[in-house]
Amino acid sequence: MELTKEQAEAEAIRRWYQLPAHVRQTPEDAEAYAIRLDRELEFKTVTSRPRLIGAWLIRELFRARAAAADDEIDAFNEALSDDDRDDLVMPSESERAA
Protein backbone atom coordinates (compact mmCIF):
# COMPACT_ATOMS: atom_id res chain seq x y z
CA MET A 1 0.00 0.00 0.00
CA GLU A 2 1.39 3.38 -0.96
CA LEU A 3 1.52 6.00 1.77
CA THR A 4 1.35 9.75 1.54
CA LYS A 5 4.57 11.52 2.36
CA GLU A 6 3.11 12.61 5.71
CA GLN A 7 2.05 9.05 6.55
CA ALA A 8 5.50 7.77 5.58
CA GLU A 9 7.19 10.35 7.80
CA ALA A 10 5.00 9.43 10.77
CA GLU A 11 5.63 5.73 10.19
CA ALA A 12 9.38 6.21 9.84
CA ILE A 13 9.53 8.14 13.11
CA ARG A 14 7.29 5.60 14.86
CA ARG A 15 9.58 2.77 13.77
CA TRP A 16 12.67 4.80 14.73
CA TYR A 17 11.41 5.06 18.31
CA GLN A 18 10.74 1.34 18.40
CA LEU A 19 14.46 0.72 18.00
CA PRO A 20 16.55 0.32 21.17
CA ALA A 21 17.95 3.66 22.32
CA HIS A 22 21.55 2.53 21.85
CA VAL A 23 21.07 2.11 18.08
CA ARG A 24 19.51 5.55 17.52
CA GLN A 25 22.17 7.84 18.88
CA THR A 26 23.83 9.45 15.87
CA PRO A 27 23.00 10.89 12.47
CA GLU A 28 24.84 7.90 11.01
CA ASP A 29 22.42 5.58 12.81
CA ALA A 30 19.54 7.53 11.28
CA GLU A 31 21.00 7.35 7.78
CA ALA A 32 21.63 3.61 8.06
CA TYR A 33 18.09 2.97 9.25
CA ALA A 34 16.72 5.21 6.49
CA ILE A 35 18.24 2.87 3.90
CA ARG A 36 16.36 -0.03 5.46
CA LEU A 37 13.12 1.94 5.66
CA ASP A 38 13.46 2.91 2.01
CA ARG A 39 12.88 -0.73 1.14
CA GLU A 40 9.87 -0.99 3.46
CA LEU A 41 7.94 2.26 3.02
CA GLU A 42 6.25 3.02 -0.28
CA PHE A 43 5.57 6.68 -1.01
CA LYS A 44 6.15 9.09 -3.84
CA THR A 45 8.79 11.79 -3.68
CA VAL A 46 10.75 13.79 -6.22
CA THR A 47 13.95 13.38 -4.21
CA SER A 48 15.96 10.41 -2.98
CA ARG A 49 13.80 8.46 -0.54
CA PRO A 50 16.66 7.29 1.69
CA ARG A 51 17.96 10.86 1.97
CA LEU A 52 14.50 12.21 2.77
CA ILE A 53 13.82 9.52 5.38
CA GLY A 54 17.28 10.13 6.83
CA ALA A 55 16.53 13.85 7.10
CA TRP A 56 13.30 13.10 8.97
CA LEU A 57 15.10 10.82 11.40
CA ILE A 58 18.03 13.17 11.93
CA ARG A 59 15.64 16.04 12.60
CA GLU A 60 13.82 13.86 15.11
CA LEU A 61 17.11 12.86 16.73
CA PHE A 62 18.05 16.49 17.31
CA ARG A 63 14.54 17.38 18.49
CA ALA A 64 14.78 14.61 21.08
CA ARG A 65 18.22 15.82 22.20
CA ALA A 66 16.94 19.39 22.56
CA ALA A 67 13.93 18.20 24.56
CA ALA A 68 16.19 16.16 26.84
CA ALA A 69 18.46 19.17 27.38
CA ASP A 70 15.44 21.34 28.19
CA ASP A 71 14.25 18.72 30.68
CA GLU A 72 17.67 18.72 32.37
CA ILE A 73 17.64 22.52 32.65
CA ASP A 74 14.11 22.46 34.06
CA ALA A 75 15.08 19.79 36.61
CA PHE A 76 18.14 21.80 37.63
CA ASN A 77 16.10 24.96 38.05
CA GLU A 78 13.47 23.13 40.08
CA ALA A 79 16.19 21.69 42.31
CA LEU A 80 17.49 25.14 43.17
CA SER A 81 15.90 26.60 46.24
CA ASP A 82 14.96 30.27 46.30
CA ASP A 83 18.04 30.96 48.47
CA ASP A 84 20.29 29.31 45.88
CA ARG A 85 18.76 31.44 43.13
CA ASP A 86 19.55 34.61 45.08
CA ASP A 87 23.23 33.61 45.12
CA LEU A 88 23.33 33.32 41.34
CA VAL A 89 24.44 36.56 39.79
CA MET A 90 24.77 37.12 36.08
CA PRO A 91 28.15 38.59 35.21
CA SER A 92 28.11 42.18 34.01
CA GLU A 93 28.95 43.05 30.42
CA SER A 94 32.48 44.13 31.41
CA GLU A 95 33.05 40.88 33.36
CA ARG A 96 31.99 38.80 30.38
CA ALA A 97 34.28 40.73 28.06
CA ALA A 98 37.31 40.12 30.30
PDB file of N, CA and C in Angstrom:
ATOM      1  N   MET A   1       0.843  -1.175   0.000  1.00  0.00           N
ATOM      2  CA  MET A   1       0.000   0.000   0.000  1.00  0.00           C
ATOM      3  C   MET A   1       0.896   1.248   0.000  1.00  0.00           C
ATOM      4  N   GLU A   2       0.602   2.156  -0.893  1.00  0.00           N
ATOM      5  CA  GLU A   2       1.388   3.381  -0.963  1.00  0.00           C
ATOM      6  C   GLU A   2       0.880   4.383   0.057  1.00  0.00           C
ATOM      7  N   LEU A   3       1.822   5.018   0.751  1.00  0.00           N
ATOM      8  CA  LEU A   3       1.515   6.004   1.773  1.00  0.00           C
ATOM      9  C   LEU A   3       1.671   7.407   1.203  1.00  0.00           C
ATOM     10  N   THR A   4       1.031   8.362   1.856  1.00  0.00           N
ATOM     11  CA  THR A   4       1.345   9.746   1.540  1.00  0.00           C
ATOM     12  C   THR A   4       2.692  10.050   2.177  1.00  0.00           C
ATOM     13  N   LYS A   5       3.285  11.147   1.771  1.00  0.00           N
ATOM     14  CA  LYS A   5       4.574  11.523   2.355  1.00  0.00           C
ATOM     15  C   LYS A   5       4.433  11.754   3.865  1.00  0.00           C
ATOM     16  N   GLU A   6       3.342  12.351   4.292  1.00  0.00           N
ATOM     17  CA  GLU A   6       3.110  12.610   5.715  1.00  0.00           C
ATOM     18  C   GLU A   6       2.947  11.303   6.492  1.00  0.00           C
ATOM     19  N   GLN A   7       2.219  10.350   5.901  1.00  0.00           N
ATOM     20  CA  GLN A   7       2.055   9.047   6.548  1.00  0.00           C
ATOM     21  C   GLN A   7       3.397   8.321   6.641  1.00  0.00           C
ATOM     22  N   ALA A   8       4.188   8.420   5.584  1.00  0.00           N
ATOM     23  CA  ALA A   8       5.502   7.770   5.577  1.00  0.00           C
ATOM     24  C   ALA A   8       6.406   8.378   6.641  1.00  0.00           C
ATOM     25  N   GLU A   9       6.379   9.696   6.776  1.00  0.00           N
ATOM     26  CA  GLU A   9       7.194  10.347   7.800  1.00  0.00           C
ATOM     27  C   GLU A   9       6.782   9.889   9.194  1.00  0.00           C
ATOM     28  N   ALA A  10       5.486   9.874   9.464  1.00  0.00           N
ATOM     29  CA  ALA A  10       4.996   9.435  10.771  1.00  0.00           C
ATOM     30  C   ALA A  10       5.377   7.987  11.038  1.00  0.00           C
ATOM     31  N   GLU A  11       5.277   7.135  10.027  1.00  0.00           N
ATOM     32  CA  GLU A  11       5.628   5.727  10.193  1.00  0.00           C
ATOM     33  C   GLU A  11       7.128   5.548  10.400  1.00  0.00           C
ATOM     34  N   ALA A  12       7.928   6.302   9.677  1.00  0.00           N
ATOM     35  CA  ALA A  12       9.383   6.215   9.844  1.00  0.00           C
ATOM     36  C   ALA A  12       9.777   6.608  11.265  1.00  0.00           C
ATOM     37  N   ILE A  13       9.207   7.687  11.753  1.00  0.00           N
ATOM     38  CA  ILE A  13       9.525   8.139  13.106  1.00  0.00           C
ATOM     39  C   ILE A  13       9.005   7.153  14.141  1.00  0.00           C
ATOM     40  N   ARG A  14       7.832   6.602  13.925  1.00  0.00           N
ATOM     41  CA  ARG A  14       7.292   5.598  14.859  1.00  0.00           C
ATOM     42  C   ARG A  14       8.227   4.396  14.944  1.00  0.00           C
ATOM     43  N   ARG A  15       8.671   3.917  13.788  1.00  0.00           N
ATOM     44  CA  ARG A  15       9.584   2.768  13.772  1.00  0.00           C
ATOM     45  C   ARG A  15      10.935   3.116  14.388  1.00  0.00           C
ATOM     46  N   TRP A  16      11.413   4.333  14.158  1.00  0.00           N
ATOM     47  CA  TRP A  16      12.674   4.802  14.733  1.00  0.00           C
ATOM     48  C   TRP A  16      12.629   4.687  16.258  1.00  0.00           C
ATOM     49  N   TYR A  17      11.521   5.119  16.859  1.00  0.00           N
ATOM     50  CA  TYR A  17      11.406   5.062  18.305  1.00  0.00           C
ATOM     51  C   TYR A  17      11.181   3.654  18.839  1.00  0.00           C
ATOM     52  N   GLN A  18      10.851   2.726  17.973  1.00  0.00           N
ATOM     53  CA  GLN A  18      10.739   1.338  18.405  1.00  0.00           C
ATOM     54  C   GLN A  18      12.108   0.670  18.520  1.00  0.00           C
ATOM     55  N   LEU A  19      13.111   1.265  17.901  1.00  0.00           N
ATOM     56  CA  LEU A  19      14.462   0.722  18.004  1.00  0.00           C
ATOM     57  C   LEU A  19      14.998   0.940  19.419  1.00  0.00           C
ATOM     58  N   PRO A  20      15.909   0.070  19.876  1.00  0.00           N
ATOM     59  CA  PRO A  20      16.549   0.318  21.171  1.00  0.00           C
ATOM     60  C   PRO A  20      17.311   1.646  21.141  1.00  0.00           C
ATOM     61  N   ALA A  21      17.329   2.341  22.250  1.00  0.00           N
ATOM     62  CA  ALA A  21      17.949   3.664  22.319  1.00  0.00           C
ATOM     63  C   ALA A  21      19.417   3.636  21.889  1.00  0.00           C
ATOM     64  N   HIS A  22      20.118   2.559  22.175  1.00  0.00           N
ATOM     65  CA  HIS A  22      21.551   2.527  21.855  1.00  0.00           C
ATOM     66  C   HIS A  22      21.835   2.443  20.351  1.00  0.00           C
ATOM     67  N   VAL A  23      20.836   2.157  19.536  1.00  0.00           N
ATOM     68  CA  VAL A  23      21.069   2.114  18.083  1.00  0.00           C
ATOM     69  C   VAL A  23      20.478   3.329  17.369  1.00  0.00           C
ATOM     70  N   ARG A  24      20.024   4.307  18.128  1.00  0.00           N
ATOM     71  CA  ARG A  24      19.512   5.546  17.523  1.00  0.00           C
ATOM     72  C   ARG A  24      20.107   6.756  18.223  1.00  0.00           C
ATOM     73  N   GLN A  25      21.441   6.786  18.192  1.00  0.00           N
ATOM     74  CA  GLN A  25      22.173   7.839  18.883  1.00  0.00           C
ATOM     75  C   GLN A  25      22.792   8.894  17.970  1.00  0.00           C
ATOM     76  N   THR A  26      23.064   8.542  16.729  1.00  0.00           N
ATOM     77  CA  THR A  26      23.828   9.446  15.870  1.00  0.00           C
ATOM     78  C   THR A  26      23.128   9.661  14.523  1.00  0.00           C
ATOM     79  N   PRO A  27      23.521  10.713  13.821  1.00  0.00           N
ATOM     80  CA  PRO A  27      22.996  10.888  12.467  1.00  0.00           C
ATOM     81  C   PRO A  27      23.335   9.694  11.560  1.00  0.00           C
ATOM     82  N   GLU A  28      24.474   9.080  11.795  1.00  0.00           N
ATOM     83  CA  GLU A  28      24.843   7.900  11.006  1.00  0.00           C
ATOM     84  C   GLU A  28      23.876   6.739  11.254  1.00  0.00           C
ATOM     85  N   ASP A  29      23.431   6.594  12.495  1.00  0.00           N
ATOM     86  CA  ASP A  29      22.417   5.581  12.813  1.00  0.00           C
ATOM     87  C   ASP A  29      21.135   5.865  12.034  1.00  0.00           C
ATOM     88  N   ALA A  30      20.759   7.133  11.987  1.00  0.00           N
ATOM     89  CA  ALA A  30      19.536   7.526  11.277  1.00  0.00           C
ATOM     90  C   ALA A  30      19.667   7.244   9.784  1.00  0.00           C
ATOM     91  N   GLU A  31      20.804   7.572   9.215  1.00  0.00           N
ATOM     92  CA  GLU A  31      21.003   7.348   7.785  1.00  0.00           C
ATOM     93  C   GLU A  31      20.998   5.857   7.451  1.00  0.00           C
ATOM     94  N   ALA A  32      21.614   5.055   8.294  1.00  0.00           N
ATOM     95  CA  ALA A  32      21.628   3.609   8.060  1.00  0.00           C
ATOM     96  C   ALA A  32      20.215   3.035   8.137  1.00  0.00           C
ATOM     97  N   TYR A  33      19.447   3.478   9.116  1.00  0.00           N
ATOM     98  CA  TYR A  33      18.088   2.970   9.250  1.00  0.00           C
ATOM     99  C   TYR A  33      17.205   3.469   8.109  1.00  0.00           C
ATOM    100  N   ALA A  34      17.488   4.664   7.621  1.00  0.00           N
ATOM    101  CA  ALA A  34      16.723   5.213   6.493  1.00  0.00           C
ATOM    102  C   ALA A  34      16.861   4.325   5.256  1.00  0.00           C
ATOM    103  N   ILE A  35      18.032   3.767   5.049  1.00  0.00           N
ATOM    104  CA  ILE A  35      18.238   2.870   3.905  1.00  0.00           C
ATOM    105  C   ILE A  35      17.342   1.647   4.036  1.00  0.00           C
ATOM    106  N   ARG A  36      17.252   1.127   5.232  1.00  0.00           N
ATOM    107  CA  ARG A  36      16.364  -0.029   5.460  1.00  0.00           C
ATOM    108  C   ARG A  36      14.904   0.357   5.246  1.00  0.00           C
ATOM    109  N   LEU A  37      14.515   1.508   5.798  1.00  0.00           N
ATOM    110  CA  LEU A  37      13.121   1.936   5.660  1.00  0.00           C
ATOM    111  C   LEU A  37      12.753   2.229   4.216  1.00  0.00           C
ATOM    112  N   ASP A  38      13.717   2.652   3.424  1.00  0.00           N
ATOM    113  CA  ASP A  38      13.457   2.913   2.005  1.00  0.00           C
ATOM    114  C   ASP A  38      12.894   1.678   1.327  1.00  0.00           C
ATOM    115  N   ARG A  39      13.358   0.527   1.737  1.00  0.00           N
ATOM    116  CA  ARG A  39      12.881  -0.734   1.141  1.00  0.00           C
ATOM    117  C   ARG A  39      11.514  -1.148   1.671  1.00  0.00           C
ATOM    118  N   GLU A  40      11.110  -0.565   2.808  1.00  0.00           N
ATOM    119  CA  GLU A  40       9.875  -0.992   3.462  1.00  0.00           C
ATOM    120  C   GLU A  40       8.705  -0.018   3.312  1.00  0.00           C
ATOM    121  N   LEU A  41       8.995   1.252   3.118  1.00  0.00           N
ATOM    122  CA  LEU A  41       7.937   2.257   3.022  1.00  0.00           C
ATOM    123  C   LEU A  41       7.764   2.693   1.574  1.00  0.00           C
ATOM    124  N   GLU A  42       6.547   2.611   1.093  1.00  0.00           N
ATOM    125  CA  GLU A  42       6.252   3.020  -0.278  1.00  0.00           C
ATOM    126  C   GLU A  42       5.543   4.365  -0.260  1.00  0.00           C
ATOM    127  N   PHE A  43       6.188   5.369  -0.852  1.00  0.00           N
ATOM    128  CA  PHE A  43       5.573   6.684  -1.008  1.00  0.00           C
ATOM    129  C   PHE A  43       6.285   7.406  -2.142  1.00  0.00           C
ATOM    130  N   LYS A  44       5.578   8.346  -2.722  1.00  0.00           N
ATOM    131  CA  LYS A  44       6.145   9.095  -3.843  1.00  0.00           C
ATOM    132  C   LYS A  44       6.892  10.317  -3.323  1.00  0.00           C
ATOM    133  N   THR A  45       8.019  10.592  -3.964  1.00  0.00           N
ATOM    134  CA  THR A  45       8.788  11.790  -3.680  1.00  0.00           C
ATOM    135  C   THR A  45       9.626  12.121  -4.901  1.00  0.00           C
ATOM    136  N   VAL A  46       9.944  13.388  -5.077  1.00  0.00           N
ATOM    137  CA  VAL A  46      10.753  13.794  -6.217  1.00  0.00           C
ATOM    138  C   VAL A  46      12.243  13.724  -5.888  1.00  0.00           C
ATOM    139  N   THR A  47      12.555  13.454  -4.641  1.00  0.00           N
ATOM    140  CA  THR A  47      13.950  13.375  -4.206  1.00  0.00           C
ATOM    141  C   THR A  47      14.298  11.940  -3.820  1.00  0.00           C
ATOM    142  N   SER A  48      15.501  11.723  -3.421  1.00  0.00           N
ATOM    143  CA  SER A  48      15.959  10.407  -2.977  1.00  0.00           C
ATOM    144  C   SER A  48      15.220  10.014  -1.698  1.00  0.00           C
ATOM    145  N   ARG A  49      14.544   8.891  -1.734  1.00  0.00           N
ATOM    146  CA  ARG A  49      13.796   8.457  -0.541  1.00  0.00           C
ATOM    147  C   ARG A  49      14.694   8.208   0.659  1.00  0.00           C
ATOM    148  N   PRO A  50      15.817   7.504   0.504  1.00  0.00           N
ATOM    149  CA  PRO A  50      16.663   7.290   1.686  1.00  0.00           C
ATOM    150  C   PRO A  50      17.162   8.608   2.297  1.00  0.00           C
ATOM    151  N   ARG A  51      17.493   9.570   1.448  1.00  0.00           N
ATOM    152  CA  ARG A  51      17.958  10.861   1.970  1.00  0.00           C
ATOM    153  C   ARG A  51      16.833  11.600   2.683  1.00  0.00           C
ATOM    154  N   LEU A  52      15.628  11.544   2.142  1.00  0.00           N
ATOM    155  CA  LEU A  52      14.495  12.205   2.773  1.00  0.00           C
ATOM    156  C   LEU A  52      14.164  11.548   4.109  1.00  0.00           C
ATOM    157  N   ILE A  53      14.102  10.234   4.125  1.00  0.00           N
ATOM    158  CA  ILE A  53      13.820   9.518   5.378  1.00  0.00           C
ATOM    159  C   ILE A  53      14.917   9.814   6.395  1.00  0.00           C
ATOM    160  N   GLY A  54      16.170   9.796   5.942  1.00  0.00           N
ATOM    161  CA  GLY A  54      17.279  10.126   6.829  1.00  0.00           C
ATOM    162  C   GLY A  54      17.140  11.520   7.414  1.00  0.00           C
ATOM    163  N   ALA A  55      16.729  12.467   6.610  1.00  0.00           N
ATOM    164  CA  ALA A  55      16.534  13.845   7.098  1.00  0.00           C
ATOM    165  C   ALA A  55      15.447  13.888   8.167  1.00  0.00           C
ATOM    166  N   TRP A  56      14.358  13.153   7.946  1.00  0.00           N
ATOM    167  CA  TRP A  56      13.299  13.104   8.970  1.00  0.00           C
ATOM    168  C   TRP A  56      13.840  12.564  10.287  1.00  0.00           C
ATOM    169  N   LEU A  57      14.593  11.475  10.190  1.00  0.00           N
ATOM    170  CA  LEU A  57      15.095  10.821  11.401  1.00  0.00           C
ATOM    171  C   LEU A  57      16.158  11.667  12.099  1.00  0.00           C
ATOM    172  N   ILE A  58      17.021  12.307  11.330  1.00  0.00           N
ATOM    173  CA  ILE A  58      18.032  13.175  11.930  1.00  0.00           C
ATOM    174  C   ILE A  58      17.374  14.360  12.618  1.00  0.00           C
ATOM    175  N   ARG A  59      16.372  14.947  11.971  1.00  0.00           N
ATOM    176  CA  ARG A  59      15.636  16.043  12.600  1.00  0.00           C
ATOM    177  C   ARG A  59      15.014  15.574  13.914  1.00  0.00           C
ATOM    178  N   GLU A  60      14.442  14.396  13.903  1.00  0.00           N
ATOM    179  CA  GLU A  60      13.821  13.859  15.111  1.00  0.00           C
ATOM    180  C   GLU A  60      14.864  13.590  16.192  1.00  0.00           C
ATOM    181  N   LEU A  61      16.022  13.098  15.797  1.00  0.00           N
ATOM    182  CA  LEU A  61      17.115  12.856  16.732  1.00  0.00           C
ATOM    183  C   LEU A  61      17.498  14.146  17.455  1.00  0.00           C
ATOM    184  N   PHE A  62      17.663  15.225  16.696  1.00  0.00           N
ATOM    185  CA  PHE A  62      18.050  16.492  17.310  1.00  0.00           C
ATOM    186  C   PHE A  62      16.910  17.123  18.098  1.00  0.00           C
ATOM    187  N   ARG A  63      15.677  16.905  17.686  1.00  0.00           N
ATOM    188  CA  ARG A  63      14.541  17.381  18.493  1.00  0.00           C
ATOM    189  C   ARG A  63      14.525  16.679  19.845  1.00  0.00           C
ATOM    190  N   ALA A  64      14.771  15.374  19.833  1.00  0.00           N
ATOM    191  CA  ALA A  64      14.778  14.609  21.083  1.00  0.00           C
ATOM    192  C   ALA A  64      15.917  15.067  21.988  1.00  0.00           C
ATOM    193  N   ARG A  65      17.087  15.333  21.400  1.00  0.00           N
ATOM    194  CA  ARG A  65      18.218  15.824  22.196  1.00  0.00           C
ATOM    195  C   ARG A  65      17.898  17.181  22.815  1.00  0.00           C
ATOM    196  N   ALA A  66      17.287  18.066  22.041  1.00  0.00           N
ATOM    197  CA  ALA A  66      16.939  19.388  22.556  1.00  0.00           C
ATOM    198  C   ALA A  66      15.913  19.271  23.679  1.00  0.00           C
ATOM    199  N   ALA A  67      14.948  18.389  23.514  1.00  0.00           N
ATOM    200  CA  ALA A  67      13.930  18.201  24.555  1.00  0.00           C
ATOM    201  C   ALA A  67      14.568  17.650  25.829  1.00  0.00           C
ATOM    202  N   ALA A  68      15.504  16.718  25.681  1.00  0.00           N
ATOM    203  CA  ALA A  68      16.189  16.161  26.844  1.00  0.00           C
ATOM    204  C   ALA A  68      17.014  17.231  27.554  1.00  0.00           C
ATOM    205  N   ALA A  69      17.672  18.080  26.787  1.00  0.00           N
ATOM    206  CA  ALA A  69      18.456  19.165  27.382  1.00  0.00           C
ATOM    207  C   ALA A  69      17.541  20.137  28.117  1.00  0.00           C
ATOM    208  N   ASP A  70      16.408  20.456  27.528  1.00  0.00           N
ATOM    209  CA  ASP A  70      15.442  21.337  28.191  1.00  0.00           C
ATOM    210  C   ASP A  70      14.944  20.722  29.492  1.00  0.00           C
ATOM    211  N   ASP A  71      14.702  19.407  29.468  1.00  0.00           N
ATOM    212  CA  ASP A  71      14.254  18.717  30.678  1.00  0.00           C
ATOM    213  C   ASP A  71      15.320  18.789  31.771  1.00  0.00           C
ATOM    214  N   GLU A  72      16.589  18.640  31.393  1.00  0.00           N
ATOM    215  CA  GLU A  72      17.675  18.724  32.374  1.00  0.00           C
ATOM    216  C   GLU A  72      17.753  20.121  32.974  1.00  0.00           C
ATOM    217  N   ILE A  73      17.610  21.133  32.151  1.00  0.00           N
ATOM    218  CA  ILE A  73      17.643  22.516  32.646  1.00  0.00           C
ATOM    219  C   ILE A  73      16.470  22.766  33.588  1.00  0.00           C
ATOM    220  N   ASP A  74      15.290  22.290  33.199  1.00  0.00           N
ATOM    221  CA  ASP A  74      14.113  22.459  34.058  1.00  0.00           C
ATOM    222  C   ASP A  74      14.307  21.757  35.397  1.00  0.00           C
ATOM    223  N   ALA A  75      14.853  20.537  35.372  1.00  0.00           N
ATOM    224  CA  ALA A  75      15.083  19.785  36.614  1.00  0.00           C
ATOM    225  C   ALA A  75      16.099  20.509  37.489  1.00  0.00           C
ATOM    226  N   PHE A  76      17.142  21.046  36.873  1.00  0.00           N
ATOM    227  CA  PHE A  76      18.142  21.795  37.627  1.00  0.00           C
ATOM    228  C   PHE A  76      17.515  23.017  38.279  1.00  0.00           C
ATOM    229  N   ASN A  77      16.739  23.759  37.510  1.00  0.00           N
ATOM    230  CA  ASN A  77      16.105  24.958  38.047  1.00  0.00           C
ATOM    231  C   ASN A  77      15.125  24.632  39.162  1.00  0.00           C
ATOM    232  N   GLU A  78      14.408  23.532  39.036  1.00  0.00           N
ATOM    233  CA  GLU A  78      13.474  23.130  40.080  1.00  0.00           C
ATOM    234  C   GLU A  78      14.207  22.700  41.339  1.00  0.00           C
ATOM    235  N   ALA A  79      15.415  22.146  41.164  1.00  0.00           N
ATOM    236  CA  ALA A  79      16.191  21.685  42.310  1.00  0.00           C
ATOM    237  C   ALA A  79      16.783  22.846  43.106  1.00  0.00           C
ATOM    238  N   LEU A  80      16.960  23.972  42.458  1.00  0.00           N
ATOM    239  CA  LEU A  80      17.485  25.137  43.171  1.00  0.00           C
ATOM    240  C   LEU A  80      16.429  25.690  44.117  1.00  0.00           C
ATOM    241  N   SER A  81      16.840  25.938  45.327  1.00  0.00           N
ATOM    242  CA  SER A  81      15.904  26.600  46.244  1.00  0.00           C
ATOM    243  C   SER A  81      15.941  28.091  45.956  1.00  0.00           C
ATOM    244  N   ASP A  82      14.993  28.821  46.499  1.00  0.00           N
ATOM    245  CA  ASP A  82      14.964  30.266  46.296  1.00  0.00           C
ATOM    246  C   ASP A  82      16.242  30.915  46.812  1.00  0.00           C
ATOM    247  N   ASP A  83      16.787  30.403  47.927  1.00  0.00           N
ATOM    248  CA  ASP A  83      18.036  30.956  48.470  1.00  0.00           C
ATOM    249  C   ASP A  83      19.179  30.749  47.490  1.00  0.00           C
ATOM    250  N   ASP A  84      19.229  29.578  46.855  1.00  0.00           N
ATOM    251  CA  ASP A  84      20.288  29.307  45.875  1.00  0.00           C
ATOM    252  C   ASP A  84      20.172  30.258  44.700  1.00  0.00           C
ATOM    253  N   ARG A  85      18.964  30.544  44.271  1.00  0.00           N
ATOM    254  CA  ARG A  85      18.763  31.443  43.129  1.00  0.00           C
ATOM    255  C   ARG A  85      19.260  32.854  43.442  1.00  0.00           C
ATOM    256  N   ASP A  86      19.090  33.268  44.696  1.00  0.00           N
ATOM    257  CA  ASP A  86      19.548  34.606  45.080  1.00  0.00           C
ATOM    258  C   ASP A  86      21.060  34.720  44.993  1.00  0.00           C
ATOM    259  N   ASP A  87      21.766  33.596  45.176  1.00  0.00           N
ATOM    260  CA  ASP A  87      23.230  33.608  45.121  1.00  0.00           C
ATOM    261  C   ASP A  87      23.755  33.637  43.690  1.00  0.00           C
ATOM    262  N   LEU A  88      22.900  33.307  42.729  1.00  0.00           N
ATOM    263  CA  LEU A  88      23.328  33.316  41.338  1.00  0.00           C
ATOM    264  C   LEU A  88      23.265  34.736  40.803  1.00  0.00           C
ATOM    265  N   VAL A  89      24.374  35.210  40.319  1.00  0.00           N
ATOM    266  CA  VAL A  89      24.445  36.560  39.788  1.00  0.00           C
ATOM    267  C   VAL A  89      24.998  36.478  38.380  1.00  0.00           C
ATOM    268  N   MET A  90      24.297  37.084  37.457  1.00  0.00           N
ATOM    269  CA  MET A  90      24.774  37.120  36.082  1.00  0.00           C
ATOM    270  C   MET A  90      25.958  38.078  36.015  1.00  0.00           C
ATOM    271  N   PRO A  91      27.019  37.685  35.322  1.00  0.00           N
ATOM    272  CA  PRO A  91      28.154  38.591  35.205  1.00  0.00           C
ATOM    273  C   PRO A  91      27.761  39.837  34.395  1.00  0.00           C
ATOM    274  N   SER A  92      28.371  40.932  34.743  1.00  0.00           N
ATOM    275  CA  SER A  92      28.106  42.179  34.008  1.00  0.00           C
ATOM    276  C   SER A  92      28.743  42.077  32.638  1.00  0.00           C
ATOM    277  N   GLU A  93      28.407  43.021  31.792  1.00  0.00           N
ATOM    278  CA  GLU A  93      28.952  43.049  30.424  1.00  0.00           C
ATOM    279  C   GLU A  93      30.483  43.132  30.457  1.00  0.00           C
ATOM    280  N   SER A  94      31.014  43.963  31.344  1.00  0.00           N
ATOM    281  CA  SER A  94      32.480  44.127  31.410  1.00  0.00           C
ATOM    282  C   SER A  94      33.144  42.855  31.932  1.00  0.00           C
ATOM    283  N   GLU A  95      32.498  42.140  32.862  1.00  0.00           N
ATOM    284  CA  GLU A  95      33.055  40.885  33.363  1.00  0.00           C
ATOM    285  C   GLU A  95      33.067  39.811  32.294  1.00  0.00           C
ATOM    286  N   ARG A  96      32.039  39.801  31.450  1.00  0.00           N
ATOM    287  CA  ARG A  96      31.985  38.800  30.377  1.00  0.00           C
ATOM    288  C   ARG A  96      33.026  39.094  29.318  1.00  0.00           C
ATOM    289  N   ALA A  97      33.317  40.350  29.081  1.00  0.00           N
ATOM    290  CA  ALA A  97      34.283  40.728  28.060  1.00  0.00           C
ATOM    291  C   ALA A  97      35.708  40.423  28.484  1.00  0.00           C
ATOM    292  N   ALA A  98      35.942  40.337  29.787  1.00  0.00           N
ATOM    293  CA  ALA A  98      37.312  40.115  30.299  1.00  0.00           C
ATOM    294  C   ALA A  98      37.802  38.716  30.066  1.00  0.00           C
TER     295      ALA A  98
END
